[in-house]
Amino acid sequence: MKRHERMNALLELLGDRGRVDVEEAATELEVSAATMRRDMDALAEQQLLTRTRGGAVLSSVAYDLPIRYKHAHRSEEKEAVARAAAKLVERGDVVGLSGGTTTTAIARVLATRPDFAEAGPQPHLTIVTNSLNIANELAVRPQIKIVLTGGVAHSRSFELVGPFSELVLQQISIDIAFIGANGMDPLMGATVHDEAEARVNRLMAERARRAVVVADSSKIGERCFARVGDADVFDTFITDNGAKEATRREFADRGLRVVTARPPADE
């Protein structure tokens, strides 16, 4: 395992448990205790964890770990959701993508679809996003037009927020928007950690003819600080097959069409 992969895995452990000791982490990641101490020290310098006597705890400033440290978590579920979402997109569409790991997976699926990769004088797809990492990945695709909203960069999520983002979104029309969520609750709807992100995400959804919230099943039942919306802005919720039938019915009763995405082995 390469060093950056090991650091990703260490941060995932901390995200799940909140605290780990050196020996525990070293055993799980199959490295020496000395190597694990060096990794913890390096991440502490980046303020992504706080060193303790014999281990580490999740840093108070890293409640939402940067995208580059989260991409592998529940990757199969996110990939299934992404493929189901991409099926809703047609050639020539204007697609809105908020920031997040699931929407990043959608961007990657769209970027590799053969009908969007064909050579031609005009782009086959327009992506509107407030996500720096999505824009960075897709900017090298000549057949996809990228519109970045502008705004103030959020250091934890790589999302652009604030009045500049809102100004751009207010001037455009979107065919379909895919909005990620940190929590998805039948009563609260989609929620995120930050109120500025919630405001931009909701506005992107409102500017779309069709708005879809995307979240893997681990987010179901979670309630975060800032509400984005439920059936008042979204018509569809795409999640993976880890969602219980009773919970899916709750969302349907609230007015959301629930799409269950299945991993390749289950299809």
C-alpha atoms as a PDB file:
ATOM      1  CA  MET A   1       0.000   0.000   0.000  1.00  0.00           C
ATOM      2  CA  LYS A   2       1.405   3.386  -1.025  1.00  0.00           C
ATOM      3  CA  ARG A   3       1.799   6.119   1.551  1.00  0.00           C
ATOM      4  CA  HIS A   4      -1.081   8.303   0.328  1.00  0.00           C
ATOM      5  CA  GLU A   5      -3.359   5.229   0.229  1.00  0.00           C
ATOM      6  CA  ARG A   6      -2.299   4.357   3.776  1.00  0.00           C
ATOM      7  CA  MET A   7      -3.072   7.883   4.949  1.00  0.00           C
ATOM      8  CA  ASN A   8      -6.487   7.692   3.287  1.00  0.00           C
ATOM      9  CA  ALA A   9      -7.151   4.436   5.114  1.00  0.00           C
ATOM     10  CA  LEU A  10      -5.997   5.893   8.437  1.00  0.00           C
ATOM     11  CA  LEU A  11      -8.331   8.863   8.052  1.00  0.00           C
ATOM     12  CA  GLU A  12     -11.174   6.492   7.207  1.00  0.00           C
ATOM     13  CA  LEU A  13     -10.501   4.608  10.453  1.00  0.00           C
ATOM     14  CA  LEU A  14     -10.573   7.865  12.370  1.00  0.00           C
ATOM     15  CA  GLY A  15     -13.751   8.920  10.600  1.00  0.00           C
ATOM     16  CA  ASP A  16     -15.457   5.689  11.651  1.00  0.00           C
ATOM     17  CA  ARG A  17     -14.124   5.473  15.206  1.00  0.00           C
ATOM     18  CA  GLY A  18     -13.109   8.983  16.201  1.00  0.00           C
ATOM     19  CA  ARG A  19      -9.957   7.682  17.937  1.00  0.00           C
ATOM     20  CA  VAL A  20      -7.314   5.021  17.205  1.00  0.00           C
ATOM     21  CA  ASP A  21      -4.041   4.066  18.859  1.00  0.00           C
ATOM     22  CA  VAL A  22      -0.804   3.435  17.014  1.00  0.00           C
ATOM     23  CA  GLU A  23      -0.701  -0.343  17.507  1.00  0.00           C
ATOM     24  CA  GLU A  24      -4.333  -0.788  16.506  1.00  0.00           C
ATOM     25  CA  ALA A  25      -3.918   1.233  13.305  1.00  0.00           C
ATOM     26  CA  ALA A  26      -0.603  -0.420  12.455  1.00  0.00           C
ATOM     27  CA  THR A  27      -2.153  -3.883  12.757  1.00  0.00           C
ATOM     28  CA  GLU A  28      -5.178  -3.024  10.612  1.00  0.00           C
ATOM     29  CA  LEU A  29      -3.094  -1.361   7.898  1.00  0.00           C
ATOM     30  CA  GLU A  30      -0.340  -3.984   8.087  1.00  0.00           C
ATOM     31  CA  VAL A  31       2.585  -1.640   8.723  1.00  0.00           C
ATOM     32  CA  SER A  32       5.044  -1.154  11.552  1.00  0.00           C
ATOM     33  CA  ALA A  33       4.234   1.014  14.549  1.00  0.00           C
ATOM     34  CA  ALA A  34       7.090   3.340  13.564  1.00  0.00           C
ATOM     35  CA  THR A  35       5.584   3.853  10.108  1.00  0.00           C
ATOM     36  CA  MET A  36       2.167   4.546  11.618  1.00  0.00           C
ATOM     37  CA  ARG A  37       3.640   7.141  13.990  1.00  0.00           C
ATOM     38  CA  ARG A  38       5.254   8.943  11.037  1.00  0.00           C
ATOM     39  CA  ASP A  39       1.954   8.917   9.120  1.00  0.00           C
ATOM     40  CA  MET A  40       0.077  10.277  12.120  1.00  0.00           C
ATOM     41  CA  ASP A  41       2.665  13.009  12.596  1.00  0.00           C
ATOM     42  CA  ALA A  42       2.420  14.008   8.920  1.00  0.00           C
ATOM     43  CA  LEU A  43      -1.387  14.223   9.064  1.00  0.00           C
ATOM     44  CA  ALA A  44      -1.210  16.168  12.317  1.00  0.00           C
ATOM     45  CA  GLU A  45       0.959  18.761  10.556  1.00  0.00           C
ATOM     46  CA  GLN A  46      -1.865  19.140   8.011  1.00  0.00           C
ATOM     47  CA  GLN A  47      -4.357  19.532  10.894  1.00  0.00           C
ATOM     48  CA  LEU A  48      -6.335  16.509   9.696  1.00  0.00           C
ATOM     49  CA  LEU A  49      -5.914  14.708  13.008  1.00  0.00           C
ATOM     50  CA  THR A  50      -4.741  15.494  16.535  1.00  0.00           C
ATOM     51  CA  ARG A  51      -1.993  13.384  18.059  1.00  0.00           C
ATOM     52  CA  THR A  52      -2.612  11.914  21.493  1.00  0.00           C
ATOM     53  CA  ARG A  53      -0.423   9.852  23.781  1.00  0.00           C
ATOM     54  CA  GLY A  54      -0.134   6.582  21.891  1.00  0.00           C
ATOM     55  CA  GLY A  55      -2.492   7.428  19.037  1.00  0.00           C
ATOM     56  CA  ALA A  56      -4.663  10.064  17.384  1.00  0.00           C
ATOM     57  CA  VAL A  57      -8.156  11.541  17.336  1.00  0.00           C
ATOM     58  CA  LEU A  58     -10.019  13.164  14.488  1.00  0.00           C
ATOM     59  CA  SER A  59      -9.177  16.847  14.289  1.00  0.00           C
ATOM     60  CA  SER A  60     -11.923  19.258  15.285  1.00  0.00           C
ATOM     61  CA  VAL A  61     -11.315  21.174  12.050  1.00  0.00           C
ATOM     62  CA  ALA A  62     -11.730  18.103   9.865  1.00  0.00           C
ATOM     63  CA  TYR A  63     -15.367  17.155  10.417  1.00  0.00           C
ATOM     64  CA  ASP A  64     -15.718  16.858   6.619  1.00  0.00           C
ATOM     65  CA  LEU A  65     -12.485  15.388   5.281  1.00  0.00           C
ATOM     66  CA  PRO A  66     -11.241  16.741   1.962  1.00  0.00           C
ATOM     67  CA  ILE A  67     -12.342  14.881  -1.162  1.00  0.00           C
ATOM     68  CA  ARG A  68      -8.833  13.585  -1.854  1.00  0.00           C
ATOM     69  CA  TYR A  69      -8.913  11.662   1.459  1.00  0.00           C
ATOM     70  CA  LYS A  70     -12.438  10.236   1.026  1.00  0.00           C
ATOM     71  CA  HIS A  71     -12.627   8.835  -2.475  1.00  0.00           C
ATOM     72  CA  ALA A  72     -12.282   5.157  -1.521  1.00  0.00           C
ATOM     73  CA  HIS A  73     -14.982   5.037   1.193  1.00  0.00           C
ATOM     74  CA  ARG A  74     -18.015   2.935   0.101  1.00  0.00           C
ATOM     75  CA  SER A  75     -16.726   3.148  -3.452  1.00  0.00           C
ATOM     76  CA  GLU A  76     -18.868   0.292  -4.805  1.00  0.00           C
ATOM     77  CA  GLU A  77     -22.067   1.876  -3.494  1.00  0.00           C
ATOM     78  CA  LYS A  78     -21.128   5.296  -4.850  1.00  0.00           C
ATOM     79  CA  GLU A  79     -20.265   3.781  -8.226  1.00  0.00           C
ATOM     80  CA  ALA A  80     -23.661   2.063  -8.370  1.00  0.00           C
ATOM     81  CA  VAL A  81     -25.433   5.324  -7.543  1.00  0.00           C
ATOM     82  CA  ALA A  82     -23.326   7.166 -10.129  1.00  0.00           C
ATOM     83  CA  ARG A  83     -24.175   4.730 -12.915  1.00  0.00           C
ATOM     84  CA  ALA A  84     -27.894   4.946 -12.107  1.00  0.00           C
ATOM     85  CA  ALA A  85     -27.708   8.744 -12.122  1.00  0.00           C
ATOM     86  CA  ALA A  86     -25.804   8.882 -15.418  1.00  0.00           C
ATOM     87  CA  LYS A  87     -28.590   6.919 -17.118  1.00  0.00           C
ATOM     88  CA  LEU A  88     -30.872   9.930 -16.590  1.00  0.00           C
ATOM     89  CA  VAL A  89     -28.591  12.215 -18.635  1.00  0.00           C
ATOM     90  CA  GLU A  90     -29.077  12.693 -22.367  1.00  0.00           C
ATOM     91  CA  ARG A  91     -26.749  14.095 -24.990  1.00  0.00           C
ATOM     92  CA  GLY A  92     -26.930  17.892 -25.070  1.00  0.00           C
ATOM     93  CA  ASP A  93     -28.110  18.209 -21.461  1.00  0.00           C
ATOM     94  CA  VAL A  94     -26.957  20.862 -19.026  1.00  0.00           C
ATOM     95  CA  VAL A  95     -26.112  18.950 -15.848  1.00  0.00           C
ATOM     96  CA  GLY A  96     -25.631  20.477 -12.401  1.00  0.00           C
ATOM     97  CA  LEU A  97     -23.249  18.740  -9.985  1.00  0.00           C
ATOM     98  CA  SER A  98     -22.720  19.826  -6.411  1.00  0.00           C
ATOM     99  CA  GLY A  99     -19.518  18.885  -4.609  1.00  0.00           C
ATOM    100  CA  GLY A 100     -19.024  15.533  -2.918  1.00  0.00           C
ATOM    101  CA  THR A 101     -17.683  12.041  -3.491  1.00  0.00           C
ATOM    102  CA  THR A 102     -20.891  10.674  -5.004  1.00  0.00           C
ATOM    103  CA  THR A 103     -21.272  13.543  -7.472  1.00  0.00           C
ATOM    104  CA  THR A 104     -17.578  13.173  -8.335  1.00  0.00           C
ATOM    105  CA  ALA A 105     -18.313   9.538  -9.192  1.00  0.00           C
ATOM    106  CA  ILE A 106     -21.183  10.718 -11.424  1.00  0.00           C
ATOM    107  CA  ALA A 107     -18.822  13.121 -13.198  1.00  0.00           C
ATOM    108  CA  ARG A 108     -16.389  10.274 -13.897  1.00  0.00           C
ATOM    109  CA  VAL A 109     -19.115   8.022 -15.317  1.00  0.00           C
ATOM    110  CA  LEU A 110     -20.377  10.815 -17.568  1.00  0.00           C
ATOM    111  CA  ALA A 111     -16.847  11.619 -18.730  1.00  0.00           C
ATOM    112  CA  THR A 112     -16.305   8.054 -19.938  1.00  0.00           C
ATOM    113  CA  ARG A 113     -19.653   7.540 -21.672  1.00  0.00           C
ATOM    114  CA  PRO A 114     -18.922   6.825 -25.370  1.00  0.00           C
ATOM    115  CA  ASP A 115     -21.703   9.086 -26.666  1.00  0.00           C
ATOM    116  CA  PHE A 116     -20.217  12.055 -24.800  1.00  0.00           C
ATOM    117  CA  ALA A 117     -16.643  11.286 -25.896  1.00  0.00           C
ATOM    118  CA  GLU A 118     -17.263  11.356 -29.639  1.00  0.00           C
ATOM    119  CA  ALA A 119     -15.310  13.976 -31.584  1.00  0.00           C
ATOM    120  CA  GLY A 120     -17.343  16.891 -32.886  1.00  0.00           C
ATOM    121  CA  PRO A 121     -17.374  20.651 -33.393  1.00  0.00           C
ATOM    122  CA  GLN A 122     -19.482  21.286 -30.289  1.00  0.00           C
ATOM    123  CA  PRO A 123     -19.509  19.879 -26.745  1.00  0.00           C
ATOM    124  CA  HIS A 124     -21.991  17.052 -26.210  1.00  0.00           C
ATOM    125  CA  LEU A 125     -22.634  17.893 -22.566  1.00  0.00           C
ATOM    126  CA  THR A 126     -22.466  20.938 -20.304  1.00  0.00           C
ATOM    127  CA  ILE A 127     -21.546  20.497 -16.642  1.00  0.00           C
ATOM    128  CA  VAL A 128     -22.327  23.292 -14.179  1.00  0.00           C
ATOM    129  CA  THR A 129     -20.563  22.756 -10.873  1.00  0.00           C
ATOM    130  CA  ASN A 130     -19.347  24.555  -7.779  1.00  0.00           C
ATOM    131  CA  SER A 131     -16.836  21.756  -7.151  1.00  0.00           C
ATOM    132  CA  LEU A 132     -13.180  22.520  -7.811  1.00  0.00           C
ATOM    133  CA  ASN A 133     -12.156  18.875  -8.044  1.00  0.00           C
ATOM    134  CA  ILE A 134     -14.930  17.991 -10.529  1.00  0.00           C
ATOM    135  CA  ALA A 135     -14.017  20.963 -12.725  1.00  0.00           C
ATOM    136  CA  ASN A 136     -10.345  20.004 -12.547  1.00  0.00           C
ATOM    137  CA  GLU A 137     -11.031  16.412 -13.635  1.00  0.00           C
ATOM    138  CA  LEU A 138     -13.373  17.298 -16.496  1.00  0.00           C
ATOM    139  CA  ALA A 139     -11.527  20.328 -17.865  1.00  0.00           C
ATOM    140  CA  VAL A 140      -9.337  18.054 -20.006  1.00  0.00           C
ATOM    141  CA  ARG A 141     -12.405  16.606 -21.775  1.00  0.00           C
ATOM    142  CA  PRO A 142     -12.903  18.735 -24.923  1.00  0.00           C
ATOM    143  CA  GLN A 143     -16.396  17.344 -25.591  1.00  0.00           C
ATOM    144  CA  ILE A 144     -17.696  18.439 -22.200  1.00  0.00           C
ATOM    145  CA  LYS A 145     -18.243  22.128 -21.521  1.00  0.00           C
ATOM    146  CA  ILE A 146     -17.438  23.073 -17.920  1.00  0.00           C
ATOM    147  CA  VAL A 147     -19.101  26.016 -16.181  1.00  0.00           C
ATOM    148  CA  LEU A 148     -17.614  26.740 -12.755  1.00  0.00           C
ATOM    149  CA  THR A 149     -19.806  28.925 -10.564  1.00  0.00           C
ATOM    150  CA  GLY A 150     -17.093  30.971  -8.895  1.00  0.00           C
ATOM    151  CA  GLY A 151     -17.238  31.877  -5.236  1.00  0.00           C
ATOM    152  CA  VAL A 152     -15.183  31.334  -2.110  1.00  0.00           C
ATOM    153  CA  ALA A 153     -13.475  27.932  -1.851  1.00  0.00           C
ATOM    154  CA  HIS A 154     -14.459  25.793   1.112  1.00  0.00           C
ATOM    155  CA  SER A 155     -11.248  24.138   2.327  1.00  0.00           C
ATOM    156  CA  ARG A 156     -12.870  20.935   3.581  1.00  0.00           C
ATOM    157  CA  SER A 157     -15.079  20.055   0.628  1.00  0.00           C
ATOM    158  CA  PHE A 158     -13.488  21.902  -2.334  1.00  0.00           C
ATOM    159  CA  GLU A 159     -16.854  23.578  -2.990  1.00  0.00           C
ATOM    160  CA  LEU A 160     -17.300  27.202  -4.034  1.00  0.00           C
ATOM    161  CA  VAL A 161     -19.900  29.035  -1.968  1.00  0.00           C
ATOM    162  CA  GLY A 162     -21.155  32.531  -1.295  1.00  0.00           C
ATOM    163  CA  PRO A 163     -22.796  35.346  -3.258  1.00  0.00           C
ATOM    164  CA  PHE A 164     -20.601  34.942  -6.362  1.00  0.00           C
ATOM    165  CA  SER A 165     -21.739  31.317  -6.717  1.00  0.00           C
ATOM    166  CA  GLU A 166     -25.342  32.356  -6.247  1.00  0.00           C
ATOM    167  CA  LEU A 167     -25.033  35.159  -8.801  1.00  0.00           C
ATOM    168  CA  VAL A 168     -23.955  32.734 -11.546  1.00  0.00           C
ATOM    169  CA  LEU A 169     -26.597  30.134 -10.669  1.00  0.00           C
ATOM    170  CA  GLN A 170     -29.350  32.735 -10.764  1.00  0.00           C
ATOM    171  CA  GLN A 171     -28.517  33.488 -14.407  1.00  0.00           C
ATOM    172  CA  ILE A 172     -28.646  29.960 -15.840  1.00  0.00           C
ATOM    173  CA  SER A 173     -31.038  27.092 -16.498  1.00  0.00           C
ATOM    174  CA  ILE A 174     -30.141  23.442 -15.823  1.00  0.00           C
ATOM    175  CA  ASP A 175     -31.790  20.345 -17.267  1.00  0.00           C
ATOM    176  CA  ILE A 176     -30.964  17.986 -14.412  1.00  0.00           C
ATOM    177  CA  ALA A 177     -29.056  18.575 -11.160  1.00  0.00           C
ATOM    178  CA  PHE A 178     -27.473  15.921  -8.963  1.00  0.00           C
ATOM    179  CA  ILE A 179     -27.005  17.130  -5.401  1.00  0.00           C
ATOM    180  CA  GLY A 180     -24.988  15.215  -2.814  1.00  0.00           C
ATOM    181  CA  ALA A 181     -25.882  15.089   0.871  1.00  0.00           C
ATOM    182  CA  ASN A 182     -24.110  14.286   4.121  1.00  0.00           C
ATOM    183  CA  GLY A 183     -27.396  13.164   5.628  1.00  0.00           C
ATOM    184  CA  MET A 184     -30.732  12.003   4.208  1.00  0.00           C
ATOM    185  CA  ASP A 185     -33.666  11.783   6.592  1.00  0.00           C
ATOM    186  CA  PRO A 186     -37.331  11.124   5.687  1.00  0.00           C
ATOM    187  CA  LEU A 187     -38.482  14.136   7.712  1.00  0.00           C
ATOM    188  CA  MET A 188     -35.586  16.588   7.265  1.00  0.00           C
ATOM    189  CA  GLY A 189     -34.697  15.612   3.717  1.00  0.00           C
ATOM    190  CA  ALA A 190     -31.171  16.249   2.456  1.00  0.00           C
ATOM    191  CA  THR A 191     -28.776  17.954   4.867  1.00  0.00           C
ATOM    192  CA  VAL A 192     -25.106  18.996   4.819  1.00  0.00           C
ATOM    193  CA  HIS A 193     -22.634  20.215   7.422  1.00  0.00           C
ATOM    194  CA  ASP A 194     -22.341  23.807   6.252  1.00  0.00           C
ATOM    195  CA  GLU A 195     -25.093  26.401   5.763  1.00  0.00           C
ATOM    196  CA  ALA A 196     -23.302  28.121   2.867  1.00  0.00           C
ATOM    197  CA  GLU A 197     -23.024  24.823   0.985  1.00  0.00           C
ATOM    198  CA  ALA A 198     -26.681  24.094   1.716  1.00  0.00           C
ATOM    199  CA  ARG A 199     -27.736  27.423   0.222  1.00  0.00           C
ATOM    200  CA  VAL A 200     -25.761  26.922  -3.014  1.00  0.00           C
ATOM    201  CA  ASN A 201     -26.887  23.297  -3.331  1.00  0.00           C
ATOM    202  CA  ARG A 202     -30.531  24.267  -2.934  1.00  0.00           C
ATOM    203  CA  LEU A 203     -30.227  27.063  -5.469  1.00  0.00           C
ATOM    204  CA  MET A 204     -28.626  24.683  -7.985  1.00  0.00           C
ATOM    205  CA  ALA A 205     -31.537  22.279  -7.462  1.00  0.00           C
ATOM    206  CA  GLU A 206     -34.079  25.071  -7.891  1.00  0.00           C
ATOM    207  CA  ARG A 207     -32.495  26.165 -11.185  1.00  0.00           C
ATOM    208  CA  ALA A 208     -32.961  22.671 -12.629  1.00  0.00           C
ATOM    209  CA  ARG A 209     -35.959  21.253 -14.478  1.00  0.00           C
ATOM    210  CA  ARG A 210     -35.316  18.062 -12.548  1.00  0.00           C
ATOM    211  CA  ALA A 211     -33.423  17.815  -9.260  1.00  0.00           C
ATOM    212  CA  VAL A 212     -32.071  14.534  -7.895  1.00  0.00           C
ATOM    213  CA  VAL A 213     -30.508  13.970  -4.495  1.00  0.00           C
ATOM    214  CA  VAL A 214     -27.791  11.281  -4.481  1.00  0.00           C
ATOM    215  CA  ALA A 215     -26.450   9.576  -1.355  1.00  0.00           C
ATOM    216  CA  ASP A 216     -25.323   6.086  -0.445  1.00  0.00           C
ATOM    217  CA  SER A 217     -27.348   4.229   2.175  1.00  0.00           C
ATOM    218  CA  SER A 218     -24.929   5.021   5.018  1.00  0.00           C
ATOM    219  CA  LYS A 219     -26.257   8.608   4.904  1.00  0.00           C
ATOM    220  CA  ILE A 220     -29.878   7.548   5.459  1.00  0.00           C
ATOM    221  CA  GLY A 221     -31.194   8.508   8.893  1.00  0.00           C
ATOM    222  CA  GLU A 222     -28.400  11.034   9.420  1.00  0.00           C
ATOM    223  CA  ARG A 223     -29.267  14.666  10.137  1.00  0.00           C
ATOM    224  CA  CYS A 224     -26.591  17.300   9.627  1.00  0.00           C
ATOM    225  CA  PHE A 225     -26.617  20.969  10.540  1.00  0.00           C
ATOM    226  CA  ALA A 226     -28.001  22.646   7.409  1.00  0.00           C
ATOM    227  CA  ARG A 227     -31.064  21.543   5.449  1.00  0.00           C
ATOM    228  CA  VAL A 228     -31.016  21.538   1.645  1.00  0.00           C
ATOM    229  CA  GLY A 229     -34.554  20.264   1.067  1.00  0.00           C
ATOM    230  CA  ASP A 230     -36.738  17.258   0.312  1.00  0.00           C
ATOM    231  CA  ALA A 231     -39.683  16.942  -2.080  1.00  0.00           C
ATOM    232  CA  ASP A 232     -39.990  20.730  -2.080  1.00  0.00           C
ATOM    233  CA  VAL A 233     -36.935  20.847  -4.383  1.00  0.00           C
ATOM    234  CA  PHE A 234     -36.163  17.216  -5.333  1.00  0.00           C
ATOM    235  CA  ASP A 235     -38.286  14.752  -7.266  1.00  0.00           C
ATOM    236  CA  THR A 236     -35.939  11.742  -7.063  1.00  0.00           C
ATOM    237  CA  PHE A 237     -33.619  10.149  -4.523  1.00  0.00           C
ATOM    238  CA  ILE A 238     -30.975   7.691  -5.788  1.00  0.00           C
ATOM    239  CA  THR A 239     -29.301   5.432  -3.220  1.00  0.00           C
ATOM    240  CA  ASP A 240     -27.829   1.930  -3.123  1.00  0.00           C
ATOM    241  CA  ASN A 241     -29.505  -1.347  -2.216  1.00  0.00           C
ATOM    242  CA  GLY A 242     -28.442  -1.075   1.412  1.00  0.00           C
ATOM    243  CA  ALA A 243     -31.521   1.075   2.036  1.00  0.00           C
ATOM    244  CA  LYS A 244     -34.279  -0.812   3.862  1.00  0.00           C
ATOM    245  CA  GLU A 245     -37.632  -1.234   2.154  1.00  0.00           C
ATOM    246  CA  ALA A 246     -39.504   0.459   5.018  1.00  0.00           C
ATOM    247  CA  THR A 247     -37.209   3.481   4.788  1.00  0.00           C
ATOM    248  CA  ARG A 248     -37.650   3.692   1.030  1.00  0.00           C
ATOM    249  CA  ARG A 249     -41.410   3.738   1.567  1.00  0.00           C
ATOM    250  CA  GLU A 250     -41.030   6.618   4.030  1.00  0.00           C
ATOM    251  CA  PHE A 251     -39.259   8.701   1.402  1.00  0.00           C
ATOM    252  CA  ALA A 252     -41.865   7.741  -1.203  1.00  0.00           C
ATOM    253  CA  ASP A 253     -44.653   8.767   1.165  1.00  0.00           C
ATOM    254  CA  ARG A 254     -42.979  12.178   1.450  1.00  0.00           C
ATOM    255  CA  GLY A 255     -43.187  12.615  -2.328  1.00  0.00           C
ATOM    256  CA  LEU A 256     -39.771  11.395  -3.498  1.00  0.00           C
ATOM    257  CA  ARG A 257     -39.300   8.774  -6.187  1.00  0.00           C
ATOM    258  CA  VAL A 258     -36.672   6.392  -4.806  1.00  0.00           C
ATOM    259  CA  VAL A 259     -34.283   4.686  -7.238  1.00  0.00           C
ATOM    260  CA  THR A 260     -32.319   1.762  -5.807  1.00  0.00           C
ATOM    261  CA  ALA A 261     -28.941   1.301  -7.514  1.00  0.00           C
ATOM    262  CA  ARG A 262     -27.415  -2.148  -7.381  1.00  0.00           C
ATOM    263  CA  PRO A 263     -23.716  -3.053  -7.628  1.00  0.00           C
ATOM    264  CA  PRO A 264     -22.688  -4.934 -10.802  1.00  0.00           C
ATOM    265  CA  ALA A 265     -22.722  -8.313  -9.025  1.00  0.00           C
ATOM    266  CA  ASP A 266     -26.381  -7.843  -8.127  1.00  0.00           C
ATOM    267  CA  GLU A 267     -27.539  -6.676 -11.556  1.00  0.00           C
END
